[in-house]
mmCIF file of all heavy atoms, coordinates in Angstrom:
data_MODEL
# 
_entry.id   MODEL 
# 
loop_
_atom_site.group_PDB 
_atom_site.id 
_atom_site.type_symbol 
_atom_site.label_atom_id 
_atom_site.label_alt_id 
_atom_site.label_comp_id 
_atom_site.label_asym_id 
_atom_site.label_entity_id 
_atom_site.label_seq_id 
_atom_site.pdbx_PDB_ins_code 
_atom_site.Cartn_x 
_atom_site.Cartn_y 
_atom_site.Cartn_z 
_atom_site.occupancy 
_atom_site.B_iso_or_equiv 
_atom_site.pdbx_formal_charge 
_atom_site.auth_seq_id 
_atom_site.auth_comp_id 
_atom_site.auth_asym_id 
_atom_site.auth_atom_id 
_atom_site.pdbx_PDB_model_num 
ATOM 1   N N   . GLN A 1 1  ? 0.086  -5.523  -2.045  1.00 0.00 ? 1  GLN A N   1 
ATOM 2   C CA  . GLN A 1 1  ? 0.714  -5.471  -3.345  1.00 0.00 ? 1  GLN A CA  1 
ATOM 3   C C   . GLN A 1 1  ? 0.225  -4.306  -4.165  1.00 0.00 ? 1  GLN A C   1 
ATOM 4   O O   . GLN A 1 1  ? 0.850  -3.522  -4.702  1.00 0.00 ? 1  GLN A O   1 
ATOM 5   C CB  . GLN A 1 1  ? 0.521  -6.765  -4.160  1.00 0.00 ? 1  GLN A CB  1 
ATOM 6   C CG  . GLN A 1 1  ? 1.254  -6.772  -5.499  1.00 0.00 ? 1  GLN A CG  1 
ATOM 7   C CD  . GLN A 1 1  ? 2.768  -6.539  -5.392  1.00 0.00 ? 1  GLN A CD  1 
ATOM 8   O OE1 . GLN A 1 1  ? 3.442  -7.068  -4.490  1.00 0.00 ? 1  GLN A OE1 1 
ATOM 9   N NE2 . GLN A 1 1  ? 3.283  -5.825  -6.277  1.00 0.00 ? 1  GLN A NE2 1 
ATOM 10  N N   . GLU A 1 2  ? -1.137 -4.157  -4.184  1.00 0.00 ? 2  GLU A N   1 
ATOM 11  C CA  . GLU A 1 2  ? -1.780 -3.002  -4.943  1.00 0.00 ? 2  GLU A CA  1 
ATOM 12  C C   . GLU A 1 2  ? -1.330 -1.700  -4.147  1.00 0.00 ? 2  GLU A C   1 
ATOM 13  O O   . GLU A 1 2  ? -1.074 -0.722  -4.843  1.00 0.00 ? 2  GLU A O   1 
ATOM 14  C CB  . GLU A 1 2  ? -3.283 -3.181  -4.882  1.00 0.00 ? 2  GLU A CB  1 
ATOM 15  C CG  . GLU A 1 2  ? -3.997 -2.134  -5.676  1.00 0.00 ? 2  GLU A CG  1 
ATOM 16  C CD  . GLU A 1 2  ? -5.504 -2.170  -5.572  1.00 0.00 ? 2  GLU A CD  1 
ATOM 17  O OE1 . GLU A 1 2  ? -6.033 -3.245  -5.160  1.00 0.00 ? 2  GLU A OE1 1 
ATOM 18  O OE2 . GLU A 1 2  ? -6.180 -1.273  -6.031  1.00 0.00 ? 2  GLU A OE2 1 
ATOM 19  N N   . GLY A 1 3  ? -1.278 -1.685  -2.885  1.00 0.00 ? 3  GLY A N   1 
ATOM 20  C CA  . GLY A 1 3  ? -0.802 -0.527  -2.155  1.00 0.00 ? 3  GLY A CA  1 
ATOM 21  C C   . GLY A 1 3  ? 0.571  -0.107  -2.518  1.00 0.00 ? 3  GLY A C   1 
ATOM 22  O O   . GLY A 1 3  ? 0.927  1.095   -2.759  1.00 0.00 ? 3  GLY A O   1 
ATOM 23  N N   . TYR A 1 4  ? 1.516  -1.092  -2.688  1.00 0.00 ? 4  TYR A N   1 
ATOM 24  C CA  . TYR A 1 4  ? 2.844  -0.787  -3.108  1.00 0.00 ? 4  TYR A CA  1 
ATOM 25  C C   . TYR A 1 4  ? 2.869  -0.235  -4.523  1.00 0.00 ? 4  TYR A C   1 
ATOM 26  O O   . TYR A 1 4  ? 3.544  0.787   -4.726  1.00 0.00 ? 4  TYR A O   1 
ATOM 27  C CB  . TYR A 1 4  ? 3.650  -2.105  -3.031  1.00 0.00 ? 4  TYR A CB  1 
ATOM 28  C CG  . TYR A 1 4  ? 5.044  -1.987  -3.651  1.00 0.00 ? 4  TYR A CG  1 
ATOM 29  C CD1 . TYR A 1 4  ? 6.026  -1.263  -2.977  1.00 0.00 ? 4  TYR A CD1 1 
ATOM 30  C CD2 . TYR A 1 4  ? 5.336  -2.629  -4.803  1.00 0.00 ? 4  TYR A CD2 1 
ATOM 31  C CE1 . TYR A 1 4  ? 7.288  -1.183  -3.563  1.00 0.00 ? 4  TYR A CE1 1 
ATOM 32  C CE2 . TYR A 1 4  ? 6.635  -2.566  -5.375  1.00 0.00 ? 4  TYR A CE2 1 
ATOM 33  C CZ  . TYR A 1 4  ? 7.632  -1.828  -4.705  1.00 0.00 ? 4  TYR A CZ  1 
ATOM 34  O OH  . TYR A 1 4  ? 8.843  -1.682  -5.250  1.00 0.00 ? 4  TYR A OH  1 
ATOM 35  N N   . GLU A 1 5  ? 2.087  -0.836  -5.390  1.00 0.00 ? 5  GLU A N   1 
ATOM 36  C CA  . GLU A 1 5  ? 2.081  -0.296  -6.785  1.00 0.00 ? 5  GLU A CA  1 
ATOM 37  C C   . GLU A 1 5  ? 1.497  1.078   -6.884  1.00 0.00 ? 5  GLU A C   1 
ATOM 38  O O   . GLU A 1 5  ? 1.971  1.939   -7.597  1.00 0.00 ? 5  GLU A O   1 
ATOM 39  C CB  . GLU A 1 5  ? 1.256  -1.242  -7.661  1.00 0.00 ? 5  GLU A CB  1 
ATOM 40  C CG  . GLU A 1 5  ? 1.898  -2.623  -7.825  1.00 0.00 ? 5  GLU A CG  1 
ATOM 41  C CD  . GLU A 1 5  ? 1.066  -3.761  -8.359  1.00 0.00 ? 5  GLU A CD  1 
ATOM 42  O OE1 . GLU A 1 5  ? -0.131 -3.429  -8.678  1.00 0.00 ? 5  GLU A OE1 1 
ATOM 43  O OE2 . GLU A 1 5  ? 1.552  -4.894  -8.442  1.00 0.00 ? 5  GLU A OE2 1 
ATOM 44  N N   . LYS A 1 6  ? 0.469  1.365   -6.065  1.00 0.00 ? 6  LYS A N   1 
ATOM 45  C CA  . LYS A 1 6  ? -0.170 2.743   -6.053  1.00 0.00 ? 6  LYS A CA  1 
ATOM 46  C C   . LYS A 1 6  ? 0.798  3.724   -5.384  1.00 0.00 ? 6  LYS A C   1 
ATOM 47  O O   . LYS A 1 6  ? 0.811  4.907   -5.755  1.00 0.00 ? 6  LYS A O   1 
ATOM 48  C CB  . LYS A 1 6  ? -1.532 2.680   -5.359  1.00 0.00 ? 6  LYS A CB  1 
ATOM 49  C CG  . LYS A 1 6  ? -2.544 2.057   -6.277  1.00 0.00 ? 6  LYS A CG  1 
ATOM 50  C CD  . LYS A 1 6  ? -3.925 2.430   -5.892  1.00 0.00 ? 6  LYS A CD  1 
ATOM 51  C CE  . LYS A 1 6  ? -4.861 1.814   -6.934  1.00 0.00 ? 6  LYS A CE  1 
ATOM 52  N NZ  . LYS A 1 6  ? -6.097 2.513   -7.050  1.00 0.00 ? 6  LYS A NZ  1 
ATOM 53  N N   . PHE A 1 7  ? 1.612  3.281   -4.473  1.00 0.00 ? 7  PHE A N   1 
ATOM 54  C CA  . PHE A 1 7  ? 2.570  4.152   -3.829  1.00 0.00 ? 7  PHE A CA  1 
ATOM 55  C C   . PHE A 1 7  ? 3.557  4.667   -4.873  1.00 0.00 ? 7  PHE A C   1 
ATOM 56  O O   . PHE A 1 7  ? 3.878  5.865   -4.986  1.00 0.00 ? 7  PHE A O   1 
ATOM 57  C CB  . PHE A 1 7  ? 3.331  3.466   -2.704  1.00 0.00 ? 7  PHE A CB  1 
ATOM 58  C CG  . PHE A 1 7  ? 4.482  4.329   -2.018  1.00 0.00 ? 7  PHE A CG  1 
ATOM 59  C CD1 . PHE A 1 7  ? 4.130  5.150   -1.062  1.00 0.00 ? 7  PHE A CD1 1 
ATOM 60  C CD2 . PHE A 1 7  ? 5.783  4.256   -2.505  1.00 0.00 ? 7  PHE A CD2 1 
ATOM 61  C CE1 . PHE A 1 7  ? 5.062  5.964   -0.486  1.00 0.00 ? 7  PHE A CE1 1 
ATOM 62  C CE2 . PHE A 1 7  ? 6.733  5.076   -1.994  1.00 0.00 ? 7  PHE A CE2 1 
ATOM 63  C CZ  . PHE A 1 7  ? 6.412  5.918   -0.910  1.00 0.00 ? 7  PHE A CZ  1 
ATOM 64  N N   . ILE A 1 8  ? 4.018  3.734   -5.716  1.00 0.00 ? 8  ILE A N   1 
ATOM 65  C CA  . ILE A 1 8  ? 4.915  4.129   -6.857  1.00 0.00 ? 8  ILE A CA  1 
ATOM 66  C C   . ILE A 1 8  ? 4.196  5.067   -7.799  1.00 0.00 ? 8  ILE A C   1 
ATOM 67  O O   . ILE A 1 8  ? 4.802  6.069   -8.171  1.00 0.00 ? 8  ILE A O   1 
ATOM 68  C CB  . ILE A 1 8  ? 5.457  2.867   -7.554  1.00 0.00 ? 8  ILE A CB  1 
ATOM 69  C CG1 . ILE A 1 8  ? 6.292  1.964   -6.562  1.00 0.00 ? 8  ILE A CG1 1 
ATOM 70  C CG2 . ILE A 1 8  ? 6.244  3.235   -8.808  1.00 0.00 ? 8  ILE A CG2 1 
ATOM 71  C CD1 . ILE A 1 8  ? 6.590  0.603   -7.209  1.00 0.00 ? 8  ILE A CD1 1 
ATOM 72  N N   . GLU A 1 9  ? 3.048  4.717   -8.200  1.00 0.00 ? 9  GLU A N   1 
ATOM 73  C CA  . GLU A 1 9  ? 2.291  5.496   -9.095  1.00 0.00 ? 9  GLU A CA  1 
ATOM 74  C C   . GLU A 1 9  ? 1.911  6.954   -8.657  1.00 0.00 ? 9  GLU A C   1 
ATOM 75  O O   . GLU A 1 9  ? 2.047  7.917   -9.373  1.00 0.00 ? 9  GLU A O   1 
ATOM 76  C CB  . GLU A 1 9  ? 1.004  4.723   -9.511  1.00 0.00 ? 9  GLU A CB  1 
ATOM 77  C CG  . GLU A 1 9  ? 0.045  5.515   -10.424 1.00 0.00 ? 9  GLU A CG  1 
ATOM 78  C CD  . GLU A 1 9  ? -1.257 4.784   -10.577 1.00 0.00 ? 9  GLU A CD  1 
ATOM 79  O OE1 . GLU A 1 9  ? -1.369 3.540   -10.199 1.00 0.00 ? 9  GLU A OE1 1 
ATOM 80  O OE2 . GLU A 1 9  ? -2.245 5.430   -10.979 1.00 0.00 ? 9  GLU A OE2 1 
ATOM 81  N N   . LEU A 1 10 ? 1.388  6.993   -7.392  1.00 0.00 ? 10 LEU A N   1 
ATOM 82  C CA  . LEU A 1 10 ? 0.811  8.248   -6.887  1.00 0.00 ? 10 LEU A CA  1 
ATOM 83  C C   . LEU A 1 10 ? 1.699  9.116   -6.065  1.00 0.00 ? 10 LEU A C   1 
ATOM 84  O O   . LEU A 1 10 ? 1.424  10.281  -5.852  1.00 0.00 ? 10 LEU A O   1 
ATOM 85  C CB  . LEU A 1 10 ? -0.439 7.876   -6.083  1.00 0.00 ? 10 LEU A CB  1 
ATOM 86  C CG  . LEU A 1 10 ? -1.530 7.094   -6.889  1.00 0.00 ? 10 LEU A CG  1 
ATOM 87  C CD1 . LEU A 1 10 ? -2.641 6.699   -5.876  1.00 0.00 ? 10 LEU A CD1 1 
ATOM 88  C CD2 . LEU A 1 10 ? -2.067 7.950   -7.956  1.00 0.00 ? 10 LEU A CD2 1 
ATOM 89  N N   . ASP A 1 11 ? 2.757  8.584   -5.487  1.00 0.00 ? 11 ASP A N   1 
ATOM 90  C CA  . ASP A 1 11 ? 3.740  9.292   -4.657  1.00 0.00 ? 11 ASP A CA  1 
ATOM 91  C C   . ASP A 1 11 ? 2.995  10.123  -3.558  1.00 0.00 ? 11 ASP A C   1 
ATOM 92  O O   . ASP A 1 11 ? 3.111  11.341  -3.494  1.00 0.00 ? 11 ASP A O   1 
ATOM 93  C CB  . ASP A 1 11 ? 4.570  10.263  -5.494  1.00 0.00 ? 11 ASP A CB  1 
ATOM 94  C CG  . ASP A 1 11 ? 5.711  10.939  -4.719  1.00 0.00 ? 11 ASP A CG  1 
ATOM 95  O OD1 . ASP A 1 11 ? 6.264  10.293  -3.796  1.00 0.00 ? 11 ASP A OD1 1 
ATOM 96  O OD2 . ASP A 1 11 ? 6.091  12.052  -5.073  1.00 0.00 ? 11 ASP A OD2 1 
ATOM 97  N N   . PRO A 1 12 ? 2.276  9.436   -2.655  1.00 0.00 ? 12 PRO A N   1 
ATOM 98  C CA  . PRO A 1 12 ? 1.594  10.112  -1.581  1.00 0.00 ? 12 PRO A CA  1 
ATOM 99  C C   . PRO A 1 12 ? 2.511  10.687  -0.492  1.00 0.00 ? 12 PRO A C   1 
ATOM 100 O O   . PRO A 1 12 ? 3.686  10.201  -0.381  1.00 0.00 ? 12 PRO A O   1 
ATOM 101 C CB  . PRO A 1 12 ? 0.730  9.002   -0.970  1.00 0.00 ? 12 PRO A CB  1 
ATOM 102 C CG  . PRO A 1 12 ? 1.544  7.746   -1.216  1.00 0.00 ? 12 PRO A CG  1 
ATOM 103 C CD  . PRO A 1 12 ? 2.188  7.990   -2.487  1.00 0.00 ? 12 PRO A CD  1 
ATOM 104 N N   . ASP A 1 13 ? 1.969  11.615  0.242   1.00 0.00 ? 13 ASP A N   1 
ATOM 105 C CA  . ASP A 1 13 ? 2.751  12.201  1.388   1.00 0.00 ? 13 ASP A CA  1 
ATOM 106 C C   . ASP A 1 13 ? 2.722  11.196  2.549   1.00 0.00 ? 13 ASP A C   1 
ATOM 107 O O   . ASP A 1 13 ? 3.694  11.031  3.270   1.00 0.00 ? 13 ASP A O   1 
ATOM 108 C CB  . ASP A 1 13 ? 2.095  13.504  1.841   1.00 0.00 ? 13 ASP A CB  1 
ATOM 109 C CG  . ASP A 1 13 ? 2.168  14.583  0.800   1.00 0.00 ? 13 ASP A CG  1 
ATOM 110 O OD1 . ASP A 1 13 ? 3.177  14.680  0.081   1.00 0.00 ? 13 ASP A OD1 1 
ATOM 111 O OD2 . ASP A 1 13 ? 1.163  15.337  0.743   1.00 0.00 ? 13 ASP A OD2 1 
ATOM 112 N N   . ILE A 1 14 ? 1.575  10.525  2.648   1.00 0.00 ? 14 ILE A N   1 
ATOM 113 C CA  . ILE A 1 14 ? 1.326  9.624   3.835   1.00 0.00 ? 14 ILE A CA  1 
ATOM 114 C C   . ILE A 1 14 ? 0.557  8.426   3.304   1.00 0.00 ? 14 ILE A C   1 
ATOM 115 O O   . ILE A 1 14 ? -0.302 8.526   2.439   1.00 0.00 ? 14 ILE A O   1 
ATOM 116 C CB  . ILE A 1 14 ? 0.567  10.362  4.957   1.00 0.00 ? 14 ILE A CB  1 
ATOM 117 C CG1 . ILE A 1 14 ? 1.353  11.537  5.548   1.00 0.00 ? 14 ILE A CG1 1 
ATOM 118 C CG2 . ILE A 1 14 ? 0.186  9.378   5.991   1.00 0.00 ? 14 ILE A CG2 1 
ATOM 119 C CD1 . ILE A 1 14 ? 0.572  12.502  6.439   1.00 0.00 ? 14 ILE A CD1 1 
ATOM 120 N N   . VAL A 1 15 ? 0.873  7.296   3.901   1.00 0.00 ? 15 VAL A N   1 
ATOM 121 C CA  . VAL A 1 15 ? 0.091  6.026   3.640   1.00 0.00 ? 15 VAL A CA  1 
ATOM 122 C C   . VAL A 1 15 ? -0.467 5.483   4.903   1.00 0.00 ? 15 VAL A C   1 
ATOM 123 O O   . VAL A 1 15 ? 0.221  5.450   5.919   1.00 0.00 ? 15 VAL A O   1 
ATOM 124 C CB  . VAL A 1 15 ? 1.061  4.944   3.035   1.00 0.00 ? 15 VAL A CB  1 
ATOM 125 C CG1 . VAL A 1 15 ? 0.202  3.663   2.797   1.00 0.00 ? 15 VAL A CG1 1 
ATOM 126 C CG2 . VAL A 1 15 ? 1.706  5.405   1.751   1.00 0.00 ? 15 VAL A CG2 1 
ATOM 127 N N   . THR A 1 16 ? -1.758 5.229   4.938   1.00 0.00 ? 16 THR A N   1 
ATOM 128 C CA  . THR A 1 16 ? -2.355 4.433   6.034   1.00 0.00 ? 16 THR A CA  1 
ATOM 129 C C   . THR A 1 16 ? -2.375 2.954   5.590   1.00 0.00 ? 16 THR A C   1 
ATOM 130 O O   . THR A 1 16 ? -2.913 2.680   4.487   1.00 0.00 ? 16 THR A O   1 
ATOM 131 C CB  . THR A 1 16 ? -3.725 4.934   6.528   1.00 0.00 ? 16 THR A CB  1 
ATOM 132 O OG1 . THR A 1 16 ? -4.639 4.669   5.429   1.00 0.00 ? 16 THR A OG1 1 
ATOM 133 C CG2 . THR A 1 16 ? -3.700 6.421   6.884   1.00 0.00 ? 16 THR A CG2 1 
ATOM 134 N N   . MET A 1 17 ? -1.817 2.046   6.385   1.00 0.00 ? 17 MET A N   1 
ATOM 135 C CA  . MET A 1 17 ? -1.642 0.712   5.930   1.00 0.00 ? 17 MET A CA  1 
ATOM 136 C C   . MET A 1 17 ? -2.146 -0.233  6.960   1.00 0.00 ? 17 MET A C   1 
ATOM 137 O O   . MET A 1 17 ? -1.659 -0.332  8.067   1.00 0.00 ? 17 MET A O   1 
ATOM 138 C CB  . MET A 1 17 ? -0.133 0.447   5.768   1.00 0.00 ? 17 MET A CB  1 
ATOM 139 C CG  . MET A 1 17 ? 0.258  -0.911  5.312   1.00 0.00 ? 17 MET A CG  1 
ATOM 140 S SD  . MET A 1 17 ? 0.055  -1.264  3.582   1.00 0.00 ? 17 MET A SD  1 
ATOM 141 C CE  . MET A 1 17 ? 1.355  -0.173  2.884   1.00 0.00 ? 17 MET A CE  1 
ATOM 142 N N   . ASP A 1 18 ? -3.208 -1.022  6.558   1.00 0.00 ? 18 ASP A N   1 
ATOM 143 C CA  . ASP A 1 18 ? -3.753 -2.105  7.387   1.00 0.00 ? 18 ASP A CA  1 
ATOM 144 C C   . ASP A 1 18 ? -2.646 -3.184  7.516   1.00 0.00 ? 18 ASP A C   1 
ATOM 145 O O   . ASP A 1 18 ? -1.806 -3.344  6.559   1.00 0.00 ? 18 ASP A O   1 
ATOM 146 C CB  . ASP A 1 18 ? -4.984 -2.676  6.835   1.00 0.00 ? 18 ASP A CB  1 
ATOM 147 C CG  . ASP A 1 18 ? -5.742 -3.619  7.680   1.00 0.00 ? 18 ASP A CG  1 
ATOM 148 O OD1 . ASP A 1 18 ? -5.483 -3.715  8.859   1.00 0.00 ? 18 ASP A OD1 1 
ATOM 149 O OD2 . ASP A 1 18 ? -6.550 -4.366  7.133   1.00 0.00 ? 18 ASP A OD2 1 
ATOM 150 N N   . ILE A 1 19 ? -2.641 -3.930  8.569   1.00 0.00 ? 19 ILE A N   1 
ATOM 151 C CA  . ILE A 1 19 ? -1.700 -5.058  8.695   1.00 0.00 ? 19 ILE A CA  1 
ATOM 152 C C   . ILE A 1 19 ? -2.129 -6.272  8.064   1.00 0.00 ? 19 ILE A C   1 
ATOM 153 O O   . ILE A 1 19 ? -1.470 -6.900  7.269   1.00 0.00 ? 19 ILE A O   1 
ATOM 154 C CB  . ILE A 1 19 ? -1.239 -5.274  10.145  1.00 0.00 ? 19 ILE A CB  1 
ATOM 155 C CG1 . ILE A 1 19 ? -0.394 -4.076  10.650  1.00 0.00 ? 19 ILE A CG1 1 
ATOM 156 C CG2 . ILE A 1 19 ? -0.521 -6.567  10.309  1.00 0.00 ? 19 ILE A CG2 1 
ATOM 157 C CD1 . ILE A 1 19 ? 0.141  -4.176  12.072  1.00 0.00 ? 19 ILE A CD1 1 
ATOM 158 N N   . THR A 1 20 ? -3.367 -6.742  8.418   1.00 0.00 ? 20 THR A N   1 
ATOM 159 C CA  . THR A 1 20 ? -3.823 -8.023  7.876   1.00 0.00 ? 20 THR A CA  1 
ATOM 160 C C   . THR A 1 20 ? -4.625 -7.863  6.636   1.00 0.00 ? 20 THR A C   1 
ATOM 161 O O   . THR A 1 20 ? -5.745 -7.245  6.647   1.00 0.00 ? 20 THR A O   1 
ATOM 162 C CB  . THR A 1 20 ? -4.769 -8.674  8.988   1.00 0.00 ? 20 THR A CB  1 
ATOM 163 O OG1 . THR A 1 20 ? -4.007 -8.724  10.201  1.00 0.00 ? 20 THR A OG1 1 
ATOM 164 C CG2 . THR A 1 20 ? -5.203 -10.030 8.593   1.00 0.00 ? 20 THR A CG2 1 
ATOM 165 N N   . MET A 1 21 ? -4.006 -8.241  5.487   1.00 0.00 ? 21 MET A N   1 
ATOM 166 C CA  . MET A 1 21 ? -4.589 -8.173  4.202   1.00 0.00 ? 21 MET A CA  1 
ATOM 167 C C   . MET A 1 21 ? -4.216 -9.419  3.324   1.00 0.00 ? 21 MET A C   1 
ATOM 168 O O   . MET A 1 21 ? -3.142 -9.975  3.602   1.00 0.00 ? 21 MET A O   1 
ATOM 169 C CB  . MET A 1 21 ? -4.172 -6.878  3.472   1.00 0.00 ? 21 MET A CB  1 
ATOM 170 C CG  . MET A 1 21 ? -4.633 -5.581  4.100   1.00 0.00 ? 21 MET A CG  1 
ATOM 171 S SD  . MET A 1 21 ? -4.089 -4.151  3.151   1.00 0.00 ? 21 MET A SD  1 
ATOM 172 C CE  . MET A 1 21 ? -2.347 -4.167  3.493   1.00 0.00 ? 21 MET A CE  1 
ATOM 173 N N   . PRO A 1 22 ? -5.016 -9.663  2.271   1.00 0.00 ? 22 PRO A N   1 
ATOM 174 C CA  . PRO A 1 22 ? -4.654 -10.738 1.408   1.00 0.00 ? 22 PRO A CA  1 
ATOM 175 C C   . PRO A 1 22 ? -3.507 -10.344 0.412   1.00 0.00 ? 22 PRO A C   1 
ATOM 176 O O   . PRO A 1 22 ? -3.205 -9.147  0.372   1.00 0.00 ? 22 PRO A O   1 
ATOM 177 C CB  . PRO A 1 22 ? -5.938 -11.028 0.640   1.00 0.00 ? 22 PRO A CB  1 
ATOM 178 C CG  . PRO A 1 22 ? -6.679 -9.688  0.642   1.00 0.00 ? 22 PRO A CG  1 
ATOM 179 C CD  . PRO A 1 22 ? -6.305 -9.045  1.967   1.00 0.00 ? 22 PRO A CD  1 
ATOM 180 N N   . VAL A 1 23 ? -3.032 -11.238 -0.338  1.00 0.00 ? 23 VAL A N   1 
ATOM 181 C CA  . VAL A 1 23 ? -2.003 -11.093 -1.400  1.00 0.00 ? 23 VAL A CA  1 
ATOM 182 C C   . VAL A 1 23 ? -0.662 -10.775 -0.694  1.00 0.00 ? 23 VAL A C   1 
ATOM 183 O O   . VAL A 1 23 ? 0.235  -11.559 -0.803  1.00 0.00 ? 23 VAL A O   1 
ATOM 184 C CB  . VAL A 1 23 ? -2.394 -10.096 -2.480  1.00 0.00 ? 23 VAL A CB  1 
ATOM 185 C CG1 . VAL A 1 23 ? -1.321 -9.968  -3.584  1.00 0.00 ? 23 VAL A CG1 1 
ATOM 186 C CG2 . VAL A 1 23 ? -3.743 -10.369 -3.075  1.00 0.00 ? 23 VAL A CG2 1 
ATOM 187 N N   . LEU A 1 24 ? -0.570 -9.556  -0.183  1.00 0.00 ? 24 LEU A N   1 
ATOM 188 C CA  . LEU A 1 24 ? 0.666  -9.102  0.584   1.00 0.00 ? 24 LEU A CA  1 
ATOM 189 C C   . LEU A 1 24 ? 0.147  -8.352  1.739   1.00 0.00 ? 24 LEU A C   1 
ATOM 190 O O   . LEU A 1 24 ? -0.593 -7.393  1.608   1.00 0.00 ? 24 LEU A O   1 
ATOM 191 C CB  . LEU A 1 24 ? 1.513  -8.218  -0.365  1.00 0.00 ? 24 LEU A CB  1 
ATOM 192 C CG  . LEU A 1 24 ? 2.821  -7.662  0.219   1.00 0.00 ? 24 LEU A CG  1 
ATOM 193 C CD1 . LEU A 1 24 ? 3.777  -8.769  0.549   1.00 0.00 ? 24 LEU A CD1 1 
ATOM 194 C CD2 . LEU A 1 24 ? 3.400  -6.638  -0.727  1.00 0.00 ? 24 LEU A CD2 1 
ATOM 195 N N   . ASP A 1 25 ? 0.552  -8.775  2.944   1.00 0.00 ? 25 ASP A N   1 
ATOM 196 C CA  . ASP A 1 25 ? 0.075  -8.094  4.183   1.00 0.00 ? 25 ASP A CA  1 
ATOM 197 C C   . ASP A 1 25 ? 0.745  -6.764  4.322   1.00 0.00 ? 25 ASP A C   1 
ATOM 198 O O   . ASP A 1 25 ? 1.620  -6.372  3.564   1.00 0.00 ? 25 ASP A O   1 
ATOM 199 C CB  . ASP A 1 25 ? 0.249  -9.024  5.415   1.00 0.00 ? 25 ASP A CB  1 
ATOM 200 C CG  . ASP A 1 25 ? 1.644  -9.208  5.884   1.00 0.00 ? 25 ASP A CG  1 
ATOM 201 O OD1 . ASP A 1 25 ? 2.586  -8.602  5.352   1.00 0.00 ? 25 ASP A OD1 1 
ATOM 202 O OD2 . ASP A 1 25 ? 1.852  -9.995  6.771   1.00 0.00 ? 25 ASP A OD2 1 
ATOM 203 N N   . GLY A 1 26 ? 0.305  -6.002  5.310   1.00 0.00 ? 26 GLY A N   1 
ATOM 204 C CA  . GLY A 1 26 ? 0.802  -4.695  5.534   1.00 0.00 ? 26 GLY A CA  1 
ATOM 205 C C   . GLY A 1 26 ? 2.224  -4.643  5.845   1.00 0.00 ? 26 GLY A C   1 
ATOM 206 O O   . GLY A 1 26 ? 2.955  -3.664  5.492   1.00 0.00 ? 26 GLY A O   1 
# 
């Protein structure tokens, strides 16, 4: 979830995303 929010905020070229995480998985 935090990754999604930071994607919107930061507009990165590339995201590395773990699969197994709390709150919202990869």
